[in-house]
Amino acid sequence: MSVPAAYLGVILIWSTTPLGIQWSAQGATFSFAVMARMLIGLAICLVLLRATRTEFPFTPAAKQLYLISGLSIFVAMLLTYWGALHIPSGLISVIFGLSPLVTGVFAALWLSERTLTSMRLTGLALALGGLWFIFGQPWPGDSRATLGTAAVVAGMTVQSLGLVWVKRLNVRVSSLAITSGALTVATPLFVLAWVIFDAARLPPAITPRAGMAIVYLGVFGSVVGFTLYYYVIKHLDAGRVALIMLVTPVTALLLGQTLNAEFIPARGWVGIALIGAGLLLYEWQALLGLRSAASVADNSLPPDSID
């Protein structure tokens, strides 16, 4: 697989996922939309496990890993899908762009990682200020926008906590096995949520757009996106991976405005800008490393190869 192609694939999938979540949840109930997505994702994972003969460990440690991963997916996605009904899709991507900061805080508190430098703490403060601006903004057209924003923030926080918990377990399992095990745990819970919220009723009529969004998220959002992301992490340094978190909120906002006619008030843009600045400061050291690596590569070229 080409690393640049995988990199662009992650950006494309993560940029379109928030809009897909909103479209799928609007065309059907949010609990049905997320349940259908996870059923599709689980089916694909099981087929891939068999086709590639990937080992699926079932030791006590592996089962604990699947349980934690599955529970975090269930809580994070259920909250995010409900929140997506009430806020612009681009804002979902901005909030999830905060996940490296929140993950860093949990890692410092739980794993005793000394990653919270003064610059990163400044970035965290800026990002929290941006969230304050967003929470203080009454988004047009929906009286539950503040609750929707809070739900997505809570979902992002749970997902970040799950990542740190998985890292703390430190179990050697392939990414496909982790995804399959996590979806095996999460999918029955999503079915139960559908029974509770919708009394197991199927939507009377799913629009073509909603149906395509559910299938797209099941195939690309749940399986392909994470597979490409793990591949990128394996082959690129932290600086290049960090750029994904800086690019996807911008592209998601543009897609939301272009394809979904989303309007973000001026105060909301201030909050988004503060979050972006905070994330930039937080990842500054990694980005400096990226620049240094590029400089070293340029200096290593023969003179006749430089324009």
C-alpha atoms as a PDB file:
ATOM      1  CA  MET A   1       0.000   0.000   0.000  1.00  0.00           C
ATOM      2  CA  SER A   2       1.246   3.510  -0.834  1.00  0.00           C
ATOM      3  CA  VAL A   3       1.809   5.591   2.311  1.00  0.00           C
ATOM      4  CA  PRO A   4       0.755   8.896   0.629  1.00  0.00           C
ATOM      5  CA  ALA A   5      -2.427   7.235  -0.627  1.00  0.00           C
ATOM      6  CA  ALA A   6      -3.186   5.903   2.871  1.00  0.00           C
ATOM      7  CA  TYR A   7      -2.482   9.358   4.350  1.00  0.00           C
ATOM      8  CA  LEU A   8      -4.852  11.096   1.927  1.00  0.00           C
ATOM      9  CA  GLY A   9      -7.393   8.352   2.522  1.00  0.00           C
ATOM     10  CA  VAL A  10      -7.417   9.013   6.269  1.00  0.00           C
ATOM     11  CA  ILE A  11      -7.889  12.759   5.707  1.00  0.00           C
ATOM     12  CA  LEU A  12     -10.725  12.145   3.233  1.00  0.00           C
ATOM     13  CA  ILE A  13     -12.537   9.617   5.436  1.00  0.00           C
ATOM     14  CA  TRP A  14     -12.175  11.619   8.653  1.00  0.00           C
ATOM     15  CA  SER A  15     -13.264  14.805   6.894  1.00  0.00           C
ATOM     16  CA  THR A  16     -16.454  13.189   5.579  1.00  0.00           C
ATOM     17  CA  THR A  17     -17.325  11.081   8.640  1.00  0.00           C
ATOM     18  CA  PRO A  18     -19.034  13.903  10.653  1.00  0.00           C
ATOM     19  CA  LEU A  19     -21.226  14.810   7.681  1.00  0.00           C
ATOM     20  CA  GLY A  20     -22.020  11.114   7.158  1.00  0.00           C
ATOM     21  CA  ILE A  21     -23.013  10.768  10.815  1.00  0.00           C
ATOM     22  CA  GLN A  22     -25.364  13.731  10.552  1.00  0.00           C
ATOM     23  CA  TRP A  23     -26.945  12.578   7.288  1.00  0.00           C
ATOM     24  CA  SER A  24     -27.457   9.019   8.511  1.00  0.00           C
ATOM     25  CA  ALA A  25     -28.943  10.173  11.811  1.00  0.00           C
ATOM     26  CA  GLN A  26     -31.328  12.574  10.091  1.00  0.00           C
ATOM     27  CA  GLY A  27     -32.589  10.031   7.586  1.00  0.00           C
ATOM     28  CA  ALA A  28     -33.299   7.486  10.326  1.00  0.00           C
ATOM     29  CA  THR A  29     -33.278   7.572  14.114  1.00  0.00           C
ATOM     30  CA  PHE A  30     -29.829   8.068  15.593  1.00  0.00           C
ATOM     31  CA  SER A  31     -29.887   4.716  17.426  1.00  0.00           C
ATOM     32  CA  PHE A  32     -30.816   2.805  14.264  1.00  0.00           C
ATOM     33  CA  ALA A  33     -28.178   4.655  12.219  1.00  0.00           C
ATOM     34  CA  VAL A  34     -25.309   3.843  14.560  1.00  0.00           C
ATOM     35  CA  MET A  35     -26.500   0.251  15.093  1.00  0.00           C
ATOM     36  CA  ALA A  36     -26.696  -0.387  11.341  1.00  0.00           C
ATOM     37  CA  ARG A  37     -23.233   1.113  10.854  1.00  0.00           C
ATOM     38  CA  MET A  38     -21.708  -1.136  13.498  1.00  0.00           C
ATOM     39  CA  LEU A  39     -23.437  -4.265  12.164  1.00  0.00           C
ATOM     40  CA  ILE A  40     -21.947  -3.579   8.729  1.00  0.00           C
ATOM     41  CA  GLY A  41     -18.524  -2.892  10.223  1.00  0.00           C
ATOM     42  CA  LEU A  42     -18.574  -6.064  12.327  1.00  0.00           C
ATOM     43  CA  ALA A  43     -19.612  -8.213   9.361  1.00  0.00           C
ATOM     44  CA  ILE A  44     -16.747  -6.843   7.259  1.00  0.00           C
ATOM     45  CA  CYS A  45     -14.231  -7.353  10.069  1.00  0.00           C
ATOM     46  CA  LEU A  46     -15.269 -10.979  10.552  1.00  0.00           C
ATOM     47  CA  VAL A  47     -14.950 -11.628   6.813  1.00  0.00           C
ATOM     48  CA  LEU A  48     -11.503 -10.004   6.767  1.00  0.00           C
ATOM     49  CA  LEU A  49     -10.366 -12.017   9.786  1.00  0.00           C
ATOM     50  CA  ARG A  50     -11.262 -15.223   8.000  1.00  0.00           C
ATOM     51  CA  ALA A  51      -9.969 -14.189   4.579  1.00  0.00           C
ATOM     52  CA  THR A  52      -6.591 -12.994   5.910  1.00  0.00           C
ATOM     53  CA  ARG A  53      -6.358 -15.701   8.579  1.00  0.00           C
ATOM     54  CA  THR A  54      -5.505 -13.048  11.125  1.00  0.00           C
ATOM     55  CA  GLU A  55      -4.990 -14.399  14.623  1.00  0.00           C
ATOM     56  CA  PHE A  56      -7.776 -13.497  17.058  1.00  0.00           C
ATOM     57  CA  PRO A  57      -6.404 -14.020  20.585  1.00  0.00           C
ATOM     58  CA  PHE A  58      -8.945 -14.882  23.272  1.00  0.00           C
ATOM     59  CA  THR A  59      -6.755 -14.778  26.354  1.00  0.00           C
ATOM     60  CA  PRO A  60      -8.003 -12.999  29.518  1.00  0.00           C
ATOM     61  CA  ALA A  61      -5.844  -9.969  28.654  1.00  0.00           C
ATOM     62  CA  ALA A  62      -7.177  -9.863  25.093  1.00  0.00           C
ATOM     63  CA  LYS A  63     -10.778 -10.165  26.291  1.00  0.00           C
ATOM     64  CA  GLN A  64     -10.210  -7.242  28.653  1.00  0.00           C
ATOM     65  CA  LEU A  65      -8.807  -5.256  25.722  1.00  0.00           C
ATOM     66  CA  TYR A  66     -11.868  -5.991  23.575  1.00  0.00           C
ATOM     67  CA  LEU A  67     -14.200  -5.104  26.454  1.00  0.00           C
ATOM     68  CA  ILE A  68     -12.611  -1.708  27.140  1.00  0.00           C
ATOM     69  CA  SER A  69     -12.379  -0.861  23.442  1.00  0.00           C
ATOM     70  CA  GLY A  70     -15.970  -1.935  22.797  1.00  0.00           C
ATOM     71  CA  LEU A  71     -17.416  -0.017  25.736  1.00  0.00           C
ATOM     72  CA  SER A  72     -15.577   3.156  24.765  1.00  0.00           C
ATOM     73  CA  ILE A  73     -16.837   2.851  21.167  1.00  0.00           C
ATOM     74  CA  PHE A  74     -20.397   2.304  22.389  1.00  0.00           C
ATOM     75  CA  VAL A  75     -20.535   5.302  24.730  1.00  0.00           C
ATOM     76  CA  ALA A  76     -18.560   7.635  22.440  1.00  0.00           C
ATOM     77  CA  MET A  77     -20.549   6.865  19.290  1.00  0.00           C
ATOM     78  CA  LEU A  78     -23.964   6.879  20.965  1.00  0.00           C
ATOM     79  CA  LEU A  79     -23.295  10.349  22.400  1.00  0.00           C
ATOM     80  CA  THR A  80     -21.812  11.600  19.128  1.00  0.00           C
ATOM     81  CA  TYR A  81     -24.715  10.378  16.998  1.00  0.00           C
ATOM     82  CA  TRP A  82     -27.232  12.040  19.303  1.00  0.00           C
ATOM     83  CA  GLY A  83     -25.219  15.258  19.393  1.00  0.00           C
ATOM     84  CA  ALA A  84     -24.928  15.268  15.583  1.00  0.00           C
ATOM     85  CA  LEU A  85     -28.681  15.864  15.373  1.00  0.00           C
ATOM     86  CA  HIS A  86     -28.264  19.287  16.956  1.00  0.00           C
ATOM     87  CA  ILE A  87     -24.941  20.822  15.828  1.00  0.00           C
ATOM     88  CA  PRO A  88     -23.168  21.418  12.486  1.00  0.00           C
ATOM     89  CA  SER A  89     -21.165  18.457  11.224  1.00  0.00           C
ATOM     90  CA  GLY A  90     -17.989  20.563  10.923  1.00  0.00           C
ATOM     91  CA  LEU A  91     -18.134  21.330  14.636  1.00  0.00           C
ATOM     92  CA  ILE A  92     -18.047  17.586  15.369  1.00  0.00           C
ATOM     93  CA  SER A  93     -14.712  17.335  13.566  1.00  0.00           C
ATOM     94  CA  VAL A  94     -13.371  20.369  15.444  1.00  0.00           C
ATOM     95  CA  ILE A  95     -14.318  18.838  18.787  1.00  0.00           C
ATOM     96  CA  PHE A  96     -12.767  15.482  17.908  1.00  0.00           C
ATOM     97  CA  GLY A  97      -9.668  17.387  16.841  1.00  0.00           C
ATOM     98  CA  LEU A  98      -9.213  18.022  20.564  1.00  0.00           C
ATOM     99  CA  SER A  99      -8.673  14.312  21.209  1.00  0.00           C
ATOM    100  CA  PRO A 100      -4.826  14.514  21.175  1.00  0.00           C
ATOM    101  CA  LEU A 101      -4.971  17.145  23.926  1.00  0.00           C
ATOM    102  CA  VAL A 102      -7.423  15.189  26.069  1.00  0.00           C
ATOM    103  CA  THR A 103      -5.502  11.962  25.467  1.00  0.00           C
ATOM    104  CA  GLY A 104      -2.314  13.720  26.557  1.00  0.00           C
ATOM    105  CA  VAL A 105      -3.931  14.835  29.815  1.00  0.00           C
ATOM    106  CA  PHE A 106      -5.196  11.324  30.586  1.00  0.00           C
ATOM    107  CA  ALA A 107      -1.792   9.850  29.709  1.00  0.00           C
ATOM    108  CA  ALA A 108      -0.058  12.304  32.048  1.00  0.00           C
ATOM    109  CA  LEU A 109      -2.454  11.522  34.897  1.00  0.00           C
ATOM    110  CA  TRP A 110      -2.780   7.764  34.405  1.00  0.00           C
ATOM    111  CA  LEU A 111       0.396   6.635  32.659  1.00  0.00           C
ATOM    112  CA  SER A 112       2.701   9.176  34.329  1.00  0.00           C
ATOM    113  CA  GLU A 113       3.863  10.363  30.910  1.00  0.00           C
ATOM    114  CA  ARG A 114       5.688  13.684  31.161  1.00  0.00           C
ATOM    115  CA  THR A 115       4.269  15.141  27.988  1.00  0.00           C
ATOM    116  CA  LEU A 116       2.505  18.233  29.364  1.00  0.00           C
ATOM    117  CA  THR A 117       5.151  20.893  28.747  1.00  0.00           C
ATOM    118  CA  SER A 118       4.452  24.586  29.335  1.00  0.00           C
ATOM    119  CA  MET A 119       3.729  25.056  25.616  1.00  0.00           C
ATOM    120  CA  ARG A 120       1.313  22.141  25.574  1.00  0.00           C
ATOM    121  CA  LEU A 121      -0.451  23.452  28.678  1.00  0.00           C
ATOM    122  CA  THR A 122      -0.802  26.818  26.927  1.00  0.00           C
ATOM    123  CA  GLY A 123      -2.284  25.047  23.919  1.00  0.00           C
ATOM    124  CA  LEU A 124      -4.676  23.169  26.182  1.00  0.00           C
ATOM    125  CA  ALA A 125      -5.767  26.444  27.822  1.00  0.00           C
ATOM    126  CA  LEU A 126      -6.406  28.032  24.421  1.00  0.00           C
ATOM    127  CA  ALA A 127      -8.445  25.045  23.286  1.00  0.00           C
ATOM    128  CA  LEU A 128     -10.531  25.104  26.475  1.00  0.00           C
ATOM    129  CA  GLY A 129     -11.130  28.806  25.882  1.00  0.00           C
ATOM    130  CA  GLY A 130     -12.340  27.935  22.402  1.00  0.00           C
ATOM    131  CA  LEU A 131     -14.762  25.400  23.843  1.00  0.00           C
ATOM    132  CA  TRP A 132     -16.069  28.083  26.212  1.00  0.00           C
ATOM    133  CA  PHE A 133     -16.799  30.337  23.233  1.00  0.00           C
ATOM    134  CA  ILE A 134     -18.609  27.520  21.453  1.00  0.00           C
ATOM    135  CA  PHE A 135     -20.718  26.599  24.473  1.00  0.00           C
ATOM    136  CA  GLY A 136     -21.696  30.246  24.892  1.00  0.00           C
ATOM    137  CA  GLN A 137     -23.009  30.478  21.323  1.00  0.00           C
ATOM    138  CA  PRO A 138     -26.683  29.741  20.622  1.00  0.00           C
ATOM    139  CA  TRP A 139     -26.438  27.927  17.280  1.00  0.00           C
ATOM    140  CA  PRO A 140     -29.249  28.890  14.924  1.00  0.00           C
ATOM    141  CA  GLY A 141     -32.210  26.605  14.388  1.00  0.00           C
ATOM    142  CA  ASP A 142     -31.821  24.177  17.289  1.00  0.00           C
ATOM    143  CA  SER A 143     -32.598  24.776  20.947  1.00  0.00           C
ATOM    144  CA  ARG A 144     -30.565  21.693  21.959  1.00  0.00           C
ATOM    145  CA  ALA A 145     -27.302  22.805  20.353  1.00  0.00           C
ATOM    146  CA  THR A 146     -25.592  23.318  23.708  1.00  0.00           C
ATOM    147  CA  LEU A 147     -26.614  19.846  24.862  1.00  0.00           C
ATOM    148  CA  GLY A 148     -25.544  18.439  21.492  1.00  0.00           C
ATOM    149  CA  THR A 149     -22.133  20.067  21.820  1.00  0.00           C
ATOM    150  CA  ALA A 150     -21.788  18.714  25.364  1.00  0.00           C
ATOM    151  CA  ALA A 151     -22.713  15.212  24.161  1.00  0.00           C
ATOM    152  CA  VAL A 152     -20.048  15.270  21.419  1.00  0.00           C
ATOM    153  CA  VAL A 153     -17.434  16.621  23.857  1.00  0.00           C
ATOM    154  CA  ALA A 154     -18.327  13.827  26.278  1.00  0.00           C
ATOM    155  CA  GLY A 155     -18.095  11.270  23.465  1.00  0.00           C
ATOM    156  CA  MET A 156     -14.670  12.562  22.434  1.00  0.00           C
ATOM    157  CA  THR A 157     -13.521  12.435  26.074  1.00  0.00           C
ATOM    158  CA  VAL A 158     -14.692   8.832  26.498  1.00  0.00           C
ATOM    159  CA  GLN A 159     -12.925   7.825  23.288  1.00  0.00           C
ATOM    160  CA  SER A 160      -9.683   9.461  24.478  1.00  0.00           C
ATOM    161  CA  LEU A 161      -9.971   7.730  27.850  1.00  0.00           C
ATOM    162  CA  GLY A 162     -10.489   4.412  26.079  1.00  0.00           C
ATOM    163  CA  LEU A 163      -7.334   4.927  24.001  1.00  0.00           C
ATOM    164  CA  VAL A 164      -5.239   5.587  27.101  1.00  0.00           C
ATOM    165  CA  TRP A 165      -6.784   2.614  28.885  1.00  0.00           C
ATOM    166  CA  VAL A 166      -5.929   0.379  25.922  1.00  0.00           C
ATOM    167  CA  LYS A 167      -2.374   1.691  25.971  1.00  0.00           C
ATOM    168  CA  ARG A 168      -2.179   0.993  29.702  1.00  0.00           C
ATOM    169  CA  LEU A 169      -3.209  -2.632  29.087  1.00  0.00           C
ATOM    170  CA  ASN A 170      -0.356  -2.968  26.553  1.00  0.00           C
ATOM    171  CA  VAL A 171      -1.663  -6.164  24.922  1.00  0.00           C
ATOM    172  CA  ARG A 172      -0.017  -7.220  21.648  1.00  0.00           C
ATOM    173  CA  VAL A 173      -2.959  -7.713  19.269  1.00  0.00           C
ATOM    174  CA  SER A 174      -3.306  -6.767  15.585  1.00  0.00           C
ATOM    175  CA  SER A 175      -5.394  -3.723  14.717  1.00  0.00           C
ATOM    176  CA  LEU A 176      -7.910  -5.865  12.811  1.00  0.00           C
ATOM    177  CA  ALA A 177      -8.329  -8.171  15.807  1.00  0.00           C
ATOM    178  CA  ILE A 178      -8.792  -5.180  18.145  1.00  0.00           C
ATOM    179  CA  THR A 179     -11.407  -3.636  15.847  1.00  0.00           C
ATOM    180  CA  SER A 180     -13.214  -6.974  15.470  1.00  0.00           C
ATOM    181  CA  GLY A 181     -13.188  -7.677  19.189  1.00  0.00           C
ATOM    182  CA  ALA A 182     -14.328  -4.161  20.060  1.00  0.00           C
ATOM    183  CA  LEU A 183     -17.211  -4.292  17.574  1.00  0.00           C
ATOM    184  CA  THR A 184     -18.187  -7.735  18.872  1.00  0.00           C
ATOM    185  CA  VAL A 185     -18.655  -6.132  22.300  1.00  0.00           C
ATOM    186  CA  ALA A 186     -20.186  -2.868  21.109  1.00  0.00           C
ATOM    187  CA  THR A 187     -22.660  -4.081  18.468  1.00  0.00           C
ATOM    188  CA  PRO A 188     -25.018  -5.977  20.851  1.00  0.00           C
ATOM    189  CA  LEU A 189     -25.068  -2.863  23.042  1.00  0.00           C
ATOM    190  CA  PHE A 190     -26.081  -0.753  20.053  1.00  0.00           C
ATOM    191  CA  VAL A 191     -28.859  -3.245  19.294  1.00  0.00           C
ATOM    192  CA  LEU A 192     -30.013  -2.907  22.911  1.00  0.00           C
ATOM    193  CA  ALA A 193     -29.933   0.902  22.629  1.00  0.00           C
ATOM    194  CA  TRP A 194     -32.074   0.660  19.485  1.00  0.00           C
ATOM    195  CA  VAL A 195     -34.582  -1.492  21.378  1.00  0.00           C
ATOM    196  CA  ILE A 196     -34.681   0.998  24.273  1.00  0.00           C
ATOM    197  CA  PHE A 197     -34.869   4.222  22.247  1.00  0.00           C
ATOM    198  CA  ASP A 198     -36.930   3.025  19.269  1.00  0.00           C
ATOM    199  CA  ALA A 199     -38.660  -0.117  20.580  1.00  0.00           C
ATOM    200  CA  ALA A 200     -36.844  -2.050  17.808  1.00  0.00           C
ATOM    201  CA  ARG A 201     -38.912  -0.322  15.123  1.00  0.00           C
ATOM    202  CA  LEU A 202     -37.413  -0.015  11.670  1.00  0.00           C
ATOM    203  CA  PRO A 203     -37.546   3.439  10.081  1.00  0.00           C
ATOM    204  CA  PRO A 204     -40.650   3.688   7.871  1.00  0.00           C
ATOM    205  CA  ALA A 205     -38.623   5.010   4.930  1.00  0.00           C
ATOM    206  CA  ILE A 206     -34.863   5.499   4.789  1.00  0.00           C
ATOM    207  CA  THR A 207     -33.857   8.114   2.247  1.00  0.00           C
ATOM    208  CA  PRO A 208     -31.207   7.118  -0.308  1.00  0.00           C
ATOM    209  CA  ARG A 209     -28.815   9.671   1.180  1.00  0.00           C
ATOM    210  CA  ALA A 210     -29.238   8.266   4.692  1.00  0.00           C
ATOM    211  CA  GLY A 211     -28.846   4.693   3.467  1.00  0.00           C
ATOM    212  CA  MET A 212     -25.674   5.504   1.555  1.00  0.00           C
ATOM    213  CA  ALA A 213     -24.307   7.364   4.576  1.00  0.00           C
ATOM    214  CA  ILE A 214     -24.886   4.352   6.837  1.00  0.00           C
ATOM    215  CA  VAL A 215     -23.175   1.985   4.387  1.00  0.00           C
ATOM    216  CA  TYR A 216     -20.319   4.433   3.828  1.00  0.00           C
ATOM    217  CA  LEU A 217     -19.690   4.755   7.560  1.00  0.00           C
ATOM    218  CA  GLY A 218     -19.957   1.010   8.099  1.00  0.00           C
ATOM    219  CA  VAL A 219     -17.383   0.241   5.399  1.00  0.00           C
ATOM    220  CA  PHE A 220     -15.057   3.238   5.455  1.00  0.00           C
ATOM    221  CA  GLY A 221     -15.659   4.946   8.808  1.00  0.00           C
ATOM    222  CA  SER A 222     -15.526   1.770  10.892  1.00  0.00           C
ATOM    223  CA  VAL A 223     -13.060  -0.452   9.004  1.00  0.00           C
ATOM    224  CA  VAL A 224     -11.067   1.187   6.209  1.00  0.00           C
ATOM    225  CA  GLY A 225     -10.418   4.454   8.057  1.00  0.00           C
ATOM    226  CA  PHE A 226      -8.943   2.833  11.154  1.00  0.00           C
ATOM    227  CA  THR A 227      -6.934   0.336   9.084  1.00  0.00           C
ATOM    228  CA  LEU A 228      -5.374   3.171   7.066  1.00  0.00           C
ATOM    229  CA  TYR A 229      -4.761   5.205  10.215  1.00  0.00           C
ATOM    230  CA  TYR A 230      -2.873   2.380  11.930  1.00  0.00           C
ATOM    231  CA  TYR A 231      -0.880   1.899   8.705  1.00  0.00           C
ATOM    232  CA  VAL A 232       0.030   5.606   8.641  1.00  0.00           C
ATOM    233  CA  ILE A 233       1.068   5.554  12.310  1.00  0.00           C
ATOM    234  CA  LYS A 234       3.321   2.597  11.604  1.00  0.00           C
ATOM    235  CA  HIS A 235       5.137   4.247   8.677  1.00  0.00           C
ATOM    236  CA  LEU A 236       5.242   7.978   9.503  1.00  0.00           C
ATOM    237  CA  ASP A 237       6.604  10.096  12.343  1.00  0.00           C
ATOM    238  CA  ALA A 238       4.466  11.932  14.896  1.00  0.00           C
ATOM    239  CA  GLY A 239       4.712  15.275  13.105  1.00  0.00           C
ATOM    240  CA  ARG A 240       3.155  14.016   9.892  1.00  0.00           C
ATOM    241  CA  VAL A 241       0.437  12.160  11.788  1.00  0.00           C
ATOM    242  CA  ALA A 242      -0.315  15.326  13.794  1.00  0.00           C
ATOM    243  CA  LEU A 243      -1.012  17.208  10.565  1.00  0.00           C
ATOM    244  CA  ILE A 244      -4.082  14.999  10.050  1.00  0.00           C
ATOM    245  CA  MET A 245      -5.676  16.486  13.172  1.00  0.00           C
ATOM    246  CA  LEU A 246      -4.940  20.003  11.910  1.00  0.00           C
ATOM    247  CA  VAL A 247      -6.282  19.449   8.395  1.00  0.00           C
ATOM    248  CA  THR A 248      -9.472  17.418   8.935  1.00  0.00           C
ATOM    249  CA  PRO A 249     -11.417  20.022  10.993  1.00  0.00           C
ATOM    250  CA  VAL A 250     -10.845  22.607   8.235  1.00  0.00           C
ATOM    251  CA  THR A 251     -11.910  20.279   5.432  1.00  0.00           C
ATOM    252  CA  ALA A 252     -14.904  19.046   7.446  1.00  0.00           C
ATOM    253  CA  LEU A 253     -16.056  22.635   8.037  1.00  0.00           C
ATOM    254  CA  LEU A 254     -15.761  23.412   4.319  1.00  0.00           C
ATOM    255  CA  LEU A 255     -17.684  20.258   3.404  1.00  0.00           C
ATOM    256  CA  GLY A 256     -20.418  21.108   5.901  1.00  0.00           C
ATOM    257  CA  GLN A 257     -20.834  24.585   4.459  1.00  0.00           C
ATOM    258  CA  THR A 258     -20.704  23.407   0.833  1.00  0.00           C
ATOM    259  CA  LEU A 259     -22.766  20.210   0.966  1.00  0.00           C
ATOM    260  CA  ASN A 260     -25.023  20.810   3.973  1.00  0.00           C
ATOM    261  CA  ALA A 261     -25.521  24.594   3.934  1.00  0.00           C
ATOM    262  CA  GLU A 262     -24.259  24.848   7.515  1.00  0.00           C
ATOM    263  CA  PHE A 263     -23.928  28.276   9.089  1.00  0.00           C
ATOM    264  CA  ILE A 264     -21.496  28.970  11.905  1.00  0.00           C
ATOM    265  CA  PRO A 265     -21.886  32.286  13.773  1.00  0.00           C
ATOM    266  CA  ALA A 266     -18.968  34.684  14.295  1.00  0.00           C
ATOM    267  CA  ARG A 267     -18.547  33.724  17.957  1.00  0.00           C
ATOM    268  CA  GLY A 268     -18.406  30.083  16.918  1.00  0.00           C
ATOM    269  CA  TRP A 269     -15.588  30.857  14.471  1.00  0.00           C
ATOM    270  CA  VAL A 270     -13.654  32.533  17.295  1.00  0.00           C
ATOM    271  CA  GLY A 271     -13.976  29.376  19.368  1.00  0.00           C
ATOM    272  CA  ILE A 272     -12.926  27.205  16.422  1.00  0.00           C
ATOM    273  CA  ALA A 273      -9.892  29.451  15.787  1.00  0.00           C
ATOM    274  CA  LEU A 274      -8.856  29.189  19.452  1.00  0.00           C
ATOM    275  CA  ILE A 275      -9.160  25.401  19.345  1.00  0.00           C
ATOM    276  CA  GLY A 276      -7.071  25.305  16.169  1.00  0.00           C
ATOM    277  CA  ALA A 277      -4.410  27.553  17.718  1.00  0.00           C
ATOM    278  CA  GLY A 278      -4.380  25.412  20.849  1.00  0.00           C
ATOM    279  CA  LEU A 279      -3.950  22.227  18.846  1.00  0.00           C
ATOM    280  CA  LEU A 280      -1.165  23.858  16.814  1.00  0.00           C
ATOM    281  CA  LEU A 281       0.712  24.797  20.000  1.00  0.00           C
ATOM    282  CA  TYR A 282       0.127  21.361  21.481  1.00  0.00           C
ATOM    283  CA  GLU A 283       1.614  19.647  18.428  1.00  0.00           C
ATOM    284  CA  TRP A 284       4.313  22.285  17.832  1.00  0.00           C
ATOM    285  CA  GLN A 285       7.248  20.119  18.891  1.00  0.00           C
ATOM    286  CA  ALA A 286       6.117  17.279  16.634  1.00  0.00           C
ATOM    287  CA  LEU A 287       5.687  19.716  13.747  1.00  0.00           C
ATOM    288  CA  LEU A 288       9.169  21.148  14.372  1.00  0.00           C
ATOM    289  CA  GLY A 289      10.501  17.610  14.158  1.00  0.00           C
ATOM    290  CA  LEU A 290       8.747  17.273  10.800  1.00  0.00           C
ATOM    291  CA  ARG A 291      10.421  20.462   9.555  1.00  0.00           C
ATOM    292  CA  SER A 292      13.821  19.329  10.807  1.00  0.00           C
ATOM    293  CA  ALA A 293      13.427  15.980   9.062  1.00  0.00           C
ATOM    294  CA  ALA A 294      12.544  17.763   5.810  1.00  0.00           C
ATOM    295  CA  SER A 295      15.595  20.027   6.172  1.00  0.00           C
ATOM    296  CA  VAL A 296      17.891  17.065   6.732  1.00  0.00           C
ATOM    297  CA  ALA A 297      16.422  15.332   3.681  1.00  0.00           C
ATOM    298  CA  ASP A 298      16.999  18.437   1.527  1.00  0.00           C
ATOM    299  CA  ASN A 299      20.591  18.790   2.701  1.00  0.00           C
ATOM    300  CA  SER A 300      21.265  15.155   1.881  1.00  0.00           C
ATOM    301  CA  LEU A 301      20.335  15.628  -1.799  1.00  0.00           C
ATOM    302  CA  PRO A 302      23.156  15.968  -4.362  1.00  0.00           C
ATOM    303  CA  PRO A 303      23.659  19.548  -5.634  1.00  0.00           C
ATOM    304  CA  ASP A 304      22.346  18.824  -9.138  1.00  0.00           C
ATOM    305  CA  SER A 305      19.042  17.515  -7.777  1.00  0.00           C
ATOM    306  CA  ILE A 306      18.100  20.808  -6.060  1.00  0.00           C
ATOM    307  CA  ASP A 307      16.107  23.325  -8.117  1.00  0.00           C
END
